[in-house]
Amino acid sequence: MFPAGLPGVALFLLRVTVIGMLFDSTAQNSQTGSISLAKALILALTSVLLLCGAFTPIASASSIVFEATYWPSWDGLRAFDFYLRELVMISLLLLGPGAYSIDLKMFGRRLILPPE
């Protein structure tokens, strides 16, 4: 759950990628209208949690719901783009935060031994 080294760096980059996708979909959606305060707060909180790697499963689930709720359009390639974004966010939810996160400090690594 907390791999270090190159896999840990890859998970950090995946968290940053999800943040970028959230801001991209928000920018595309705000071209058609103004961004609401609630949407801005959810985006900011989710982004900070993902960047720090704090409560990553909750932040990942929030990003999935946020993207599905505020997706700007559903035509052709845009729908395909949406599904790819959702798959990246689901992969972050399933993989976890990595070693370079606050979650590691909060929950730590544990050695689980089989019963004797």
PDB file of N, CA and C in Angstrom:
ATOM      1  N   MET A   1       0.814  -1.187   0.000  1.00  0.00           N
ATOM      2  CA  MET A   1       0.000   0.000   0.000  1.00  0.00           C
ATOM      3  C   MET A   1       0.862   1.257   0.000  1.00  0.00           C
ATOM      4  N   PHE A   2       2.080   1.147   0.514  1.00  0.00           N
ATOM      5  CA  PHE A   2       2.953   2.314   0.566  1.00  0.00           C
ATOM      6  C   PHE A   2       4.292   1.993  -0.088  1.00  0.00           C
ATOM      7  N   PRO A   3       4.311   1.721  -1.396  1.00  0.00           N
ATOM      8  CA  PRO A   3       5.588   1.402  -2.030  1.00  0.00           C
ATOM      9  C   PRO A   3       6.485   2.629  -2.111  1.00  0.00           C
ATOM     10  N   ALA A   4       7.780   2.389  -1.928  1.00  0.00           N
ATOM     11  CA  ALA A   4       8.768   3.468  -2.001  1.00  0.00           C
ATOM     12  C   ALA A   4       9.523   3.358  -3.328  1.00  0.00           C
ATOM     13  N   GLY A   5      10.507   4.189  -3.499  1.00  0.00           N
ATOM     14  CA  GLY A   5      11.319   4.153  -4.714  1.00  0.00           C
ATOM     15  C   GLY A   5      10.538   4.650  -5.922  1.00  0.00           C
ATOM     16  N   LEU A   6      10.828   4.055  -7.080  1.00  0.00           N
ATOM     17  CA  LEU A   6      10.174   4.482  -8.312  1.00  0.00           C
ATOM     18  C   LEU A   6       8.656   4.253  -8.303  1.00  0.00           C
ATOM     19  N   PRO A   7       8.163   3.137  -7.742  1.00  0.00           N
ATOM     20  CA  PRO A   7       6.703   3.006  -7.669  1.00  0.00           C
ATOM     21  C   PRO A   7       6.058   4.099  -6.805  1.00  0.00           C
ATOM     22  N   GLY A   8       6.729   4.513  -5.742  1.00  0.00           N
ATOM     23  CA  GLY A   8       6.214   5.599  -4.912  1.00  0.00           C
ATOM     24  C   GLY A   8       6.183   6.921  -5.657  1.00  0.00           C
ATOM     25  N   VAL A   9       7.219   7.169  -6.457  1.00  0.00           N
ATOM     26  CA  VAL A   9       7.248   8.381  -7.275  1.00  0.00           C
ATOM     27  C   VAL A   9       6.140   8.321  -8.316  1.00  0.00           C
ATOM     28  N   ALA A  10       5.928   7.145  -8.905  1.00  0.00           N
ATOM     29  CA  ALA A  10       4.863   6.990  -9.897  1.00  0.00           C
ATOM     30  C   ALA A  10       3.486   7.256  -9.279  1.00  0.00           C
ATOM     31  N   LEU A  11       3.276   6.813  -8.051  1.00  0.00           N
ATOM     32  CA  LEU A  11       1.999   7.081  -7.387  1.00  0.00           C
ATOM     33  C   LEU A  11       1.840   8.563  -7.066  1.00  0.00           C
ATOM     34  N   PHE A  12       2.931   9.236  -6.703  1.00  0.00           N
ATOM     35  CA  PHE A  12       2.869  10.685  -6.500  1.00  0.00           C
ATOM     36  C   PHE A  12       2.506  11.387  -7.808  1.00  0.00           C
ATOM     37  N   LEU A  13       3.135  10.967  -8.910  1.00  0.00           N
ATOM     38  CA  LEU A  13       2.816  11.560 -10.211  1.00  0.00           C
ATOM     39  C   LEU A  13       1.374  11.272 -10.618  1.00  0.00           C
ATOM     40  N   LEU A  14       0.860  10.109 -10.255  1.00  0.00           N
ATOM     41  CA  LEU A  14      -0.539   9.786 -10.531  1.00  0.00           C
ATOM     42  C   LEU A  14      -1.463  10.708  -9.751  1.00  0.00           C
ATOM     43  N   ARG A  15      -1.120  11.006  -8.501  1.00  0.00           N
ATOM     44  CA  ARG A  15      -1.933  11.944  -7.715  1.00  0.00           C
ATOM     45  C   ARG A  15      -1.913  13.333  -8.333  1.00  0.00           C
ATOM     46  N   VAL A  16      -0.752  13.782  -8.802  1.00  0.00           N
ATOM     47  CA  VAL A  16      -0.644  15.090  -9.447  1.00  0.00           C
ATOM     48  C   VAL A  16      -1.428  15.102 -10.764  1.00  0.00           C
ATOM     49  N   THR A  17      -1.398  13.998 -11.490  1.00  0.00           N
ATOM     50  CA  THR A  17      -2.156  13.893 -12.741  1.00  0.00           C
ATOM     51  C   THR A  17      -3.648  14.021 -12.489  1.00  0.00           C
ATOM     52  N   VAL A  18      -4.148  13.387 -11.446  1.00  0.00           N
ATOM     53  CA  VAL A  18      -5.570  13.492 -11.116  1.00  0.00           C
ATOM     54  C   VAL A  18      -5.932  14.935 -10.780  1.00  0.00           C
ATOM     55  N   ILE A  19      -5.070  15.626 -10.062  1.00  0.00           N
ATOM     56  CA  ILE A  19      -5.314  17.038  -9.763  1.00  0.00           C
ATOM     57  C   ILE A  19      -5.389  17.842 -11.060  1.00  0.00           C
ATOM     58  N   GLY A  20      -4.479  17.591 -11.970  1.00  0.00           N
ATOM     59  CA  GLY A  20      -4.493  18.285 -13.250  1.00  0.00           C
ATOM     60  C   GLY A  20      -5.756  18.014 -14.040  1.00  0.00           C
ATOM     61  N   MET A  21      -6.227  16.775 -14.008  1.00  0.00           N
ATOM     62  CA  MET A  21      -7.468  16.443 -14.718  1.00  0.00           C
ATOM     63  C   MET A  21      -8.666  17.147 -14.100  1.00  0.00           C
ATOM     64  N   LEU A  22      -8.680  17.256 -12.783  1.00  0.00           N
ATOM     65  CA  LEU A  22      -9.784  17.959 -12.126  1.00  0.00           C
ATOM     66  C   LEU A  22      -9.806  19.432 -12.522  1.00  0.00           C
ATOM     67  N   PHE A  23      -8.631  20.059 -12.519  1.00  0.00           N
ATOM     68  CA  PHE A  23      -8.571  21.469 -12.904  1.00  0.00           C
ATOM     69  C   PHE A  23      -8.901  21.659 -14.383  1.00  0.00           C
ATOM     70  N   ASP A  24      -8.498  20.712 -15.228  1.00  0.00           N
ATOM     71  CA  ASP A  24      -8.801  20.797 -16.652  1.00  0.00           C
ATOM     72  C   ASP A  24     -10.304  20.728 -16.908  1.00  0.00           C
ATOM     73  N   SER A  25     -10.972  19.776 -16.269  1.00  0.00           N
ATOM     74  CA  SER A  25     -12.422  19.674 -16.484  1.00  0.00           C
ATOM     75  C   SER A  25     -13.153  20.875 -15.893  1.00  0.00           C
ATOM     76  N   THR A  26     -12.627  21.438 -14.816  1.00  0.00           N
ATOM     77  CA  THR A  26     -13.232  22.643 -14.240  1.00  0.00           C
ATOM     78  C   THR A  26     -13.037  23.833 -15.175  1.00  0.00           C
ATOM     79  N   ALA A  27     -11.853  23.947 -15.777  1.00  0.00           N
ATOM     80  CA  ALA A  27     -11.597  25.043 -16.711  1.00  0.00           C
ATOM     81  C   ALA A  27     -12.486  24.923 -17.943  1.00  0.00           C
ATOM     82  N   GLN A  28     -12.689  23.703 -18.435  1.00  0.00           N
ATOM     83  CA  GLN A  28     -13.555  23.504 -19.590  1.00  0.00           C
ATOM     84  C   GLN A  28     -14.996  23.837 -19.250  1.00  0.00           C
ATOM     85  N   ASN A  29     -15.403  23.495 -18.057  1.00  0.00           N
ATOM     86  CA  ASN A  29     -16.780  23.750 -17.636  1.00  0.00           C
ATOM     87  C   ASN A  29     -16.999  25.221 -17.339  1.00  0.00           C
ATOM     88  N   SER A  30     -15.977  25.917 -16.851  1.00  0.00           N
ATOM     89  CA  SER A  30     -16.155  27.324 -16.495  1.00  0.00           C
ATOM     90  C   SER A  30     -16.192  28.221 -17.722  1.00  0.00           C
ATOM     91  N   GLN A  31     -15.816  27.709 -18.884  1.00  0.00           N
ATOM     92  CA  GLN A  31     -15.925  28.494 -20.109  1.00  0.00           C
ATOM     93  C   GLN A  31     -17.390  28.757 -20.454  1.00  0.00           C
ATOM     94  N   THR A  32     -18.264  27.839 -20.043  1.00  0.00           N
ATOM     95  CA  THR A  32     -19.687  27.988 -20.343  1.00  0.00           C
ATOM     96  C   THR A  32     -20.411  28.779 -19.270  1.00  0.00           C
ATOM     97  N   GLY A  33     -19.816  28.989 -18.141  1.00  0.00           N
ATOM     98  CA  GLY A  33     -20.438  29.730 -17.044  1.00  0.00           C
ATOM     99  C   GLY A  33     -19.450  29.942 -15.915  1.00  0.00           C
ATOM    100  N   SER A  34     -19.885  30.590 -14.872  1.00  0.00           N
ATOM    101  CA  SER A  34     -18.987  30.854 -13.750  1.00  0.00           C
ATOM    102  C   SER A  34     -18.928  29.639 -12.824  1.00  0.00           C
ATOM    103  N   ILE A  35     -17.846  29.548 -12.084  1.00  0.00           N
ATOM    104  CA  ILE A  35     -17.656  28.451 -11.148  1.00  0.00           C
ATOM    105  C   ILE A  35     -18.288  28.838  -9.808  1.00  0.00           C
ATOM    106  N   SER A  36     -19.016  27.904  -9.229  1.00  0.00           N
ATOM    107  CA  SER A  36     -19.678  28.191  -7.956  1.00  0.00           C
ATOM    108  C   SER A  36     -18.681  28.074  -6.803  1.00  0.00           C
ATOM    109  N   LEU A  37     -19.028  28.679  -5.689  1.00  0.00           N
ATOM    110  CA  LEU A  37     -18.154  28.642  -4.517  1.00  0.00           C
ATOM    111  C   LEU A  37     -18.017  27.217  -3.985  1.00  0.00           C
ATOM    112  N   ALA A  38     -19.118  26.472  -3.956  1.00  0.00           N
ATOM    113  CA  ALA A  38     -19.074  25.089  -3.465  1.00  0.00           C
ATOM    114  C   ALA A  38     -18.174  24.232  -4.339  1.00  0.00           C
ATOM    115  N   LYS A  39     -18.265  24.403  -5.638  1.00  0.00           N
ATOM    116  CA  LYS A  39     -17.432  23.643  -6.563  1.00  0.00           C
ATOM    117  C   LYS A  39     -15.959  23.992  -6.362  1.00  0.00           C
ATOM    118  N   ALA A  40     -15.662  25.284  -6.179  1.00  0.00           N
ATOM    119  CA  ALA A  40     -14.283  25.715  -5.961  1.00  0.00           C
ATOM    120  C   ALA A  40     -13.726  25.158  -4.657  1.00  0.00           C
ATOM    121  N   LEU A  41     -14.531  25.130  -3.603  1.00  0.00           N
ATOM    122  CA  LEU A  41     -14.074  24.593  -2.317  1.00  0.00           C
ATOM    123  C   LEU A  41     -13.819  23.093  -2.390  1.00  0.00           C
ATOM    124  N   ILE A  42     -14.719  22.370  -3.051  1.00  0.00           N
ATOM    125  CA  ILE A  42     -14.533  20.918  -3.203  1.00  0.00           C
ATOM    126  C   ILE A  42     -13.279  20.637  -4.008  1.00  0.00           C
ATOM    127  N   LEU A  43     -13.090  21.387  -5.076  1.00  0.00           N
ATOM    128  CA  LEU A  43     -11.901  21.215  -5.913  1.00  0.00           C
ATOM    129  C   LEU A  43     -10.627  21.514  -5.129  1.00  0.00           C
ATOM    130  N   ALA A  44     -10.628  22.598  -4.365  1.00  0.00           N
ATOM    131  CA  ALA A  44      -9.445  22.971  -3.589  1.00  0.00           C
ATOM    132  C   ALA A  44      -9.136  21.937  -2.510  1.00  0.00           C
ATOM    133  N   LEU A  45     -10.142  21.500  -1.772  1.00  0.00           N
ATOM    134  CA  LEU A  45      -9.922  20.525  -0.702  1.00  0.00           C
ATOM    135  C   LEU A  45      -9.434  19.189  -1.258  1.00  0.00           C
ATOM    136  N   THR A  46     -10.070  18.722  -2.307  1.00  0.00           N
ATOM    137  CA  THR A  46      -9.663  17.456  -2.924  1.00  0.00           C
ATOM    138  C   THR A  46      -8.236  17.555  -3.456  1.00  0.00           C
ATOM    139  N   SER A  47      -7.896  18.679  -4.076  1.00  0.00           N
ATOM    140  CA  SER A  47      -6.553  18.855  -4.628  1.00  0.00           C
ATOM    141  C   SER A  47      -5.486  18.875  -3.542  1.00  0.00           C
ATOM    142  N   VAL A  48      -5.757  19.571  -2.460  1.00  0.00           N
ATOM    143  CA  VAL A  48      -4.785  19.633  -1.360  1.00  0.00           C
ATOM    144  C   VAL A  48      -4.594  18.251  -0.729  1.00  0.00           C
ATOM    145  N   LEU A  49      -5.694  17.539  -0.523  1.00  0.00           N
ATOM    146  CA  LEU A  49      -5.591  16.193   0.058  1.00  0.00           C
ATOM    147  C   LEU A  49      -4.806  15.260  -0.853  1.00  0.00           C
ATOM    148  N   LEU A  50      -5.066  15.329  -2.161  1.00  0.00           N
ATOM    149  CA  LEU A  50      -4.339  14.464  -3.088  1.00  0.00           C
ATOM    150  C   LEU A  50      -2.867  14.846  -3.179  1.00  0.00           C
ATOM    151  N   LEU A  51      -2.571  16.129  -3.199  1.00  0.00           N
ATOM    152  CA  LEU A  51      -1.179  16.556  -3.300  1.00  0.00           C
ATOM    153  C   LEU A  51      -0.378  16.112  -2.079  1.00  0.00           C
ATOM    154  N   CYS A  52      -0.970  16.213  -0.901  1.00  0.00           N
ATOM    155  CA  CYS A  52      -0.286  15.813   0.335  1.00  0.00           C
ATOM    156  C   CYS A  52      -0.345  14.308   0.560  1.00  0.00           C
ATOM    157  N   GLY A  53      -1.251  13.632  -0.117  1.00  0.00           N
ATOM    158  CA  GLY A  53      -1.421  12.201   0.106  1.00  0.00           C
ATOM    159  C   GLY A  53      -2.118  11.909   1.415  1.00  0.00           C
ATOM    160  N   ALA A  54      -3.025  12.783   1.808  1.00  0.00           N
ATOM    161  CA  ALA A  54      -3.766  12.598   3.052  1.00  0.00           C
ATOM    162  C   ALA A  54      -5.172  12.106   2.715  1.00  0.00           C
ATOM    163  N   PHE A  55      -5.609  11.064   3.407  1.00  0.00           N
ATOM    164  CA  PHE A  55      -6.928  10.469   3.181  1.00  0.00           C
ATOM    165  C   PHE A  55      -7.142  10.208   1.685  1.00  0.00           C
ATOM    166  N   THR A  56      -6.163   9.573   1.065  1.00  0.00           N
ATOM    167  CA  THR A  56      -6.170   9.374  -0.379  1.00  0.00           C
ATOM    168  C   THR A  56      -7.383   8.598  -0.880  1.00  0.00           C
ATOM    169  N   PRO A  57      -7.840   7.528  -0.223  1.00  0.00           N
ATOM    170  CA  PRO A  57      -9.043   6.855  -0.734  1.00  0.00           C
ATOM    171  C   PRO A  57     -10.273   7.766  -0.748  1.00  0.00           C
ATOM    172  N   ILE A  58     -10.412   8.593   0.281  1.00  0.00           N
ATOM    173  CA  ILE A  58     -11.556   9.504   0.339  1.00  0.00           C
ATOM    174  C   ILE A  58     -11.412  10.585  -0.727  1.00  0.00           C
ATOM    175  N   ALA A  59     -10.214  11.140  -0.877  1.00  0.00           N
ATOM    176  CA  ALA A  59      -9.983  12.173  -1.886  1.00  0.00           C
ATOM    177  C   ALA A  59     -10.145  11.611  -3.300  1.00  0.00           C
ATOM    178  N   SER A  60      -9.719  10.369  -3.509  1.00  0.00           N
ATOM    179  CA  SER A  60      -9.881   9.746  -4.830  1.00  0.00           C
ATOM    180  C   SER A  60     -11.353   9.533  -5.153  1.00  0.00           C
ATOM    181  N   ALA A  61     -12.109   9.041  -4.178  1.00  0.00           N
ATOM    182  CA  ALA A  61     -13.547   8.855  -4.397  1.00  0.00           C
ATOM    183  C   ALA A  61     -14.222  10.199  -4.644  1.00  0.00           C
ATOM    184  N   SER A  62     -13.785  11.215  -3.932  1.00  0.00           N
ATOM    185  CA  SER A  62     -14.334  12.550  -4.140  1.00  0.00           C
ATOM    186  C   SER A  62     -14.026  13.059  -5.542  1.00  0.00           C
ATOM    187  N   SER A  63     -12.821  12.782  -6.036  1.00  0.00           N
ATOM    188  CA  SER A  63     -12.467  13.229  -7.385  1.00  0.00           C
ATOM    189  C   SER A  63     -13.297  12.502  -8.437  1.00  0.00           C
ATOM    190  N   ILE A  64     -13.600  11.234  -8.209  1.00  0.00           N
ATOM    191  CA  ILE A  64     -14.433  10.474  -9.144  1.00  0.00           C
ATOM    192  C   ILE A  64     -15.831  11.075  -9.205  1.00  0.00           C
ATOM    193  N   VAL A  65     -16.401  11.344  -8.056  1.00  0.00           N
ATOM    194  CA  VAL A  65     -17.745  11.932  -8.001  1.00  0.00           C
ATOM    195  C   VAL A  65     -17.728  13.345  -8.574  1.00  0.00           C
ATOM    196  N   PHE A  66     -16.706  14.128  -8.244  1.00  0.00           N
ATOM    197  CA  PHE A  66     -16.588  15.502  -8.746  1.00  0.00           C
ATOM    198  C   PHE A  66     -16.540  15.517 -10.267  1.00  0.00           C
ATOM    199  N   GLU A  67     -15.718  14.646 -10.839  1.00  0.00           N
ATOM    200  CA  GLU A  67     -15.577  14.591 -12.295  1.00  0.00           C
ATOM    201  C   GLU A  67     -16.889  14.169 -12.950  1.00  0.00           C
ATOM    202  N   ALA A  68     -17.570  13.201 -12.371  1.00  0.00           N
ATOM    203  CA  ALA A  68     -18.836  12.747 -12.948  1.00  0.00           C
ATOM    204  C   ALA A  68     -19.932  13.800 -12.821  1.00  0.00           C
ATOM    205  N   THR A  69     -19.902  14.559 -11.745  1.00  0.00           N
ATOM    206  CA  THR A  69     -20.945  15.562 -11.505  1.00  0.00           C
ATOM    207  C   THR A  69     -20.762  16.792 -12.372  1.00  0.00           C
ATOM    208  N   TYR A  70     -19.540  17.239 -12.527  1.00  0.00           N
ATOM    209  CA  TYR A  70     -19.275  18.501 -13.208  1.00  0.00           C
ATOM    210  C   TYR A  70     -18.684  18.340 -14.596  1.00  0.00           C
ATOM    211  N   TRP A  71     -18.849  17.179 -15.221  1.00  0.00           N
ATOM    212  CA  TRP A  71     -18.302  16.973 -16.557  1.00  0.00           C
ATOM    213  C   TRP A  71     -19.037  17.868 -17.544  1.00  0.00           C
ATOM    214  N   PRO A  72     -18.303  18.633 -18.396  1.00  0.00           N
ATOM    215  CA  PRO A  72     -18.946  19.660 -19.206  1.00  0.00           C
ATOM    216  C   PRO A  72     -19.854  19.155 -20.330  1.00  0.00           C
ATOM    217  N   SER A  73     -19.472  18.108 -21.037  1.00  0.00           N
ATOM    218  CA  SER A  73     -20.315  17.653 -22.147  1.00  0.00           C
ATOM    219  C   SER A  73     -20.157  16.150 -22.346  1.00  0.00           C
ATOM    220  N   TRP A  74     -21.094  15.562 -23.070  1.00  0.00           N
ATOM    221  CA  TRP A  74     -21.122  14.115 -23.252  1.00  0.00           C
ATOM    222  C   TRP A  74     -21.116  13.716 -24.721  1.00  0.00           C
ATOM    223  N   ASP A  75     -20.579  14.527 -25.614  1.00  0.00           N
ATOM    224  CA  ASP A  75     -20.601  14.194 -27.030  1.00  0.00           C
ATOM    225  C   ASP A  75     -19.367  13.394 -27.424  1.00  0.00           C
ATOM    226  N   GLY A  76     -19.520  12.403 -28.234  1.00  0.00           N
ATOM    227  CA  GLY A  76     -18.476  11.607 -28.879  1.00  0.00           C
ATOM    228  C   GLY A  76     -17.194  11.411 -28.106  1.00  0.00           C
ATOM    229  N   LEU A  77     -16.148  12.081 -28.557  1.00  0.00           N
ATOM    230  CA  LEU A  77     -14.823  11.927 -27.953  1.00  0.00           C
ATOM    231  C   LEU A  77     -14.769  12.452 -26.535  1.00  0.00           C
ATOM    232  N   ARG A  78     -15.607  13.397 -26.200  1.00  0.00           N
ATOM    233  CA  ARG A  78     -15.645  13.921 -24.828  1.00  0.00           C
ATOM    234  C   ARG A  78     -16.072  12.813 -23.853  1.00  0.00           C
ATOM    235  N   ALA A  79     -17.019  11.984 -24.273  1.00  0.00           N
ATOM    236  CA  ALA A  79     -17.441  10.873 -23.418  1.00  0.00           C
ATOM    237  C   ALA A  79     -16.296   9.867 -23.250  1.00  0.00           C
ATOM    238  N   PHE A  80     -15.559   9.602 -24.326  1.00  0.00           N
ATOM    239  CA  PHE A  80     -14.414   8.700 -24.253  1.00  0.00           C
ATOM    240  C   PHE A  80     -13.353   9.263 -23.310  1.00  0.00           C
ATOM    241  N   ASP A  81     -13.113  10.570 -23.402  1.00  0.00           N
ATOM    242  CA  ASP A  81     -12.173  11.251 -22.515  1.00  0.00           C
ATOM    243  C   ASP A  81     -12.614  11.125 -21.056  1.00  0.00           C
ATOM    244  N   PHE A  82     -13.910  11.253 -20.833  1.00  0.00           N
ATOM    245  CA  PHE A  82     -14.448  11.114 -19.474  1.00  0.00           C
ATOM    246  C   PHE A  82     -14.155   9.724 -18.915  1.00  0.00           C
ATOM    247  N   TYR A  83     -14.390   8.682 -19.703  1.00  0.00           N
ATOM    248  CA  TYR A  83     -14.160   7.318 -19.217  1.00  0.00           C
ATOM    249  C   TYR A  83     -12.685   7.067 -18.927  1.00  0.00           C
ATOM    250  N   LEU A  84     -11.800   7.607 -19.750  1.00  0.00           N
ATOM    251  CA  LEU A  84     -10.364   7.453 -19.479  1.00  0.00           C
ATOM    252  C   LEU A  84      -9.969   8.154 -18.190  1.00  0.00           C
ATOM    253  N   ARG A  85     -10.505   9.351 -17.977  1.00  0.00           N
ATOM    254  CA  ARG A  85     -10.219  10.079 -16.738  1.00  0.00           C
ATOM    255  C   ARG A  85     -10.728   9.302 -15.525  1.00  0.00           C
ATOM    256  N   GLU A  86     -11.919   8.765 -15.630  1.00  0.00           N
ATOM    257  CA  GLU A  86     -12.477   7.998 -14.519  1.00  0.00           C
ATOM    258  C   GLU A  86     -11.633   6.758 -14.226  1.00  0.00           C
ATOM    259  N   LEU A  87     -11.126   6.103 -15.264  1.00  0.00           N
ATOM    260  CA  LEU A  87     -10.272   4.932 -15.051  1.00  0.00           C
ATOM    261  C   LEU A  87      -8.982   5.303 -14.324  1.00  0.00           C
ATOM    262  N   VAL A  88      -8.391   6.441 -14.648  1.00  0.00           N
ATOM    263  CA  VAL A  88      -7.182   6.887 -13.951  1.00  0.00           C
ATOM    264  C   VAL A  88      -7.500   7.156 -12.480  1.00  0.00           C
ATOM    265  N   MET A  89      -8.635   7.792 -12.223  1.00  0.00           N
ATOM    266  CA  MET A  89      -9.015   8.101 -10.842  1.00  0.00           C
ATOM    267  C   MET A  89      -9.351   6.840 -10.054  1.00  0.00           C
ATOM    268  N   ILE A  90      -9.980   5.882 -10.704  1.00  0.00           N
ATOM    269  CA  ILE A  90     -10.272   4.602 -10.037  1.00  0.00           C
ATOM    270  C   ILE A  90      -8.968   3.863  -9.740  1.00  0.00           C
ATOM    271  N   SER A  91      -7.997   3.934 -10.654  1.00  0.00           N
ATOM    272  CA  SER A  91      -6.720   3.258 -10.388  1.00  0.00           C
ATOM    273  C   SER A  91      -6.011   3.875  -9.184  1.00  0.00           C
ATOM    274  N   LEU A  92      -6.097   5.193  -9.021  1.00  0.00           N
ATOM    275  CA  LEU A  92      -5.520   5.821  -7.836  1.00  0.00           C
ATOM    276  C   LEU A  92      -6.243   5.359  -6.576  1.00  0.00           C
ATOM    277  N   LEU A  93      -7.549   5.246  -6.651  1.00  0.00           N
ATOM    278  CA  LEU A  93      -8.328   4.768  -5.506  1.00  0.00           C
ATOM    279  C   LEU A  93      -7.894   3.360  -5.107  1.00  0.00           C
ATOM    280  N   LEU A  94      -7.665   2.501  -6.085  1.00  0.00           N
ATOM    281  CA  LEU A  94      -7.313   1.110  -5.792  1.00  0.00           C
ATOM    282  C   LEU A  94      -5.852   0.926  -5.401  1.00  0.00           C
ATOM    283  N   LEU A  95      -4.948   1.760  -5.937  1.00  0.00           N
ATOM    284  CA  LEU A  95      -3.526   1.597  -5.652  1.00  0.00           C
ATOM    285  C   LEU A  95      -3.096   2.216  -4.334  1.00  0.00           C
ATOM    286  N   GLY A  96      -3.705   3.317  -3.954  1.00  0.00           N
ATOM    287  CA  GLY A  96      -3.338   3.968  -2.702  1.00  0.00           C
ATOM    288  C   GLY A  96      -2.354   5.095  -2.913  1.00  0.00           C
ATOM    289  N   PRO A  97      -1.880   5.702  -1.831  1.00  0.00           N
ATOM    290  CA  PRO A  97      -1.093   6.926  -1.927  1.00  0.00           C
ATOM    291  C   PRO A  97       0.389   6.744  -2.219  1.00  0.00           C
ATOM    292  N   GLY A  98       0.984   5.655  -1.818  1.00  0.00           N
ATOM    293  CA  GLY A  98       2.426   5.485  -1.965  1.00  0.00           C
ATOM    294  C   GLY A  98       3.176   5.959  -0.725  1.00  0.00           C
ATOM    295  N   ALA A  99       4.488   5.798  -0.761  1.00  0.00           N
ATOM    296  CA  ALA A  99       5.316   6.096   0.413  1.00  0.00           C
ATOM    297  C   ALA A  99       5.504   7.585   0.659  1.00  0.00           C
ATOM    298  N   TYR A 100       5.316   8.401  -0.368  1.00  0.00           N
ATOM    299  CA  TYR A 100       5.536   9.836  -0.229  1.00  0.00           C
ATOM    300  C   TYR A 100       4.201  10.522   0.025  1.00  0.00           C
ATOM    301  N   SER A 101       3.658  10.247   1.203  1.00  0.00           N
ATOM    302  CA  SER A 101       2.332  10.759   1.535  1.00  0.00           C
ATOM    303  C   SER A 101       2.178  10.893   3.048  1.00  0.00           C
ATOM    304  N   ILE A 102       1.189  11.659   3.428  1.00  0.00           N
ATOM    305  CA  ILE A 102       0.856  11.793   4.843  1.00  0.00           C
ATOM    306  C   ILE A 102       0.187  10.513   5.352  1.00  0.00           C
ATOM    307  N   ASP A 103      -0.497   9.807   4.465  1.00  0.00           N
ATOM    308  CA  ASP A 103      -1.136   8.547   4.867  1.00  0.00           C
ATOM    309  C   ASP A 103      -0.120   7.561   5.442  1.00  0.00           C
ATOM    310  N   LEU A 104       1.089   7.535   4.906  1.00  0.00           N
ATOM    311  CA  LEU A 104       2.124   6.651   5.441  1.00  0.00           C
ATOM    312  C   LEU A 104       2.443   7.026   6.878  1.00  0.00           C
ATOM    313  N   LYS A 105       2.532   8.320   7.146  1.00  0.00           N
ATOM    314  CA  LYS A 105       2.839   8.760   8.511  1.00  0.00           C
ATOM    315  C   LYS A 105       1.677   8.491   9.463  1.00  0.00           C
ATOM    316  N   MET A 106       0.447   8.614   8.948  1.00  0.00           N
ATOM    317  CA  MET A 106      -0.727   8.418   9.805  1.00  0.00           C
ATOM    318  C   MET A 106      -0.994   6.938  10.087  1.00  0.00           C
ATOM    319  N   PHE A 107      -0.872   6.105   9.058  1.00  0.00           N
ATOM    320  CA  PHE A 107      -1.257   4.702   9.210  1.00  0.00           C
ATOM    321  C   PHE A 107      -0.069   3.763   9.271  1.00  0.00           C
ATOM    322  N   GLY A 108       1.050   4.134   8.681  1.00  0.00           N
ATOM    323  CA  GLY A 108       2.287   3.368   8.764  1.00  0.00           C
ATOM    324  C   GLY A 108       2.239   2.019   8.090  1.00  0.00           C
ATOM    325  N   ARG A 109       3.416   1.465   7.959  1.00  0.00           N
ATOM    326  CA  ARG A 109       3.528   0.114   7.407  1.00  0.00           C
ATOM    327  C   ARG A 109       3.399  -0.870   8.551  1.00  0.00           C
ATOM    328  N   ARG A 110       2.775  -1.970   8.264  1.00  0.00           N
ATOM    329  CA  ARG A 110       2.587  -3.002   9.286  1.00  0.00           C
ATOM    330  C   ARG A 110       3.062  -4.338   8.732  1.00  0.00           C
ATOM    331  N   LEU A 111       3.686  -5.090   9.589  1.00  0.00           N
ATOM    332  CA  LEU A 111       4.103  -6.436   9.220  1.00  0.00           C
ATOM    333  C   LEU A 111       3.017  -7.395   9.659  1.00  0.00           C
ATOM    334  N   ILE A 112       2.440  -8.073   8.717  1.00  0.00           N
ATOM    335  CA  ILE A 112       1.358  -9.024   9.018  1.00  0.00           C
ATOM    336  C   ILE A 112       1.934 -10.430   8.846  1.00  0.00           C
ATOM    337  N   LEU A 113       1.948 -11.153   9.921  1.00  0.00           N
ATOM    338  CA  LEU A 113       2.465 -12.518   9.923  1.00  0.00           C
ATOM    339  C   LEU A 113       1.313 -13.512   9.975  1.00  0.00           C
ATOM    340  N   PRO A 114       1.474 -14.648   9.289  1.00  0.00           N
ATOM    341  CA  PRO A 114       0.428 -15.666   9.354  1.00  0.00           C
ATOM    342  C   PRO A 114       0.407 -16.319  10.736  1.00  0.00           C
ATOM    343  N   PRO A 115      -0.752 -16.766  11.171  1.00  0.00           N
ATOM    344  CA  PRO A 115      -0.811 -17.428  12.492  1.00  0.00           C
ATOM    345  C   PRO A 115      -0.018 -18.731  12.488  1.00  0.00           C
ATOM    346  N   GLU A 116       0.560 -19.034  13.639  1.00  0.00           N
ATOM    347  CA  GLU A 116       1.375 -20.246  13.751  1.00  0.00           C
ATOM    348  C   GLU A 116       0.557 -21.415  14.205  1.00  0.00           C
TER     349      GLU A 116
END
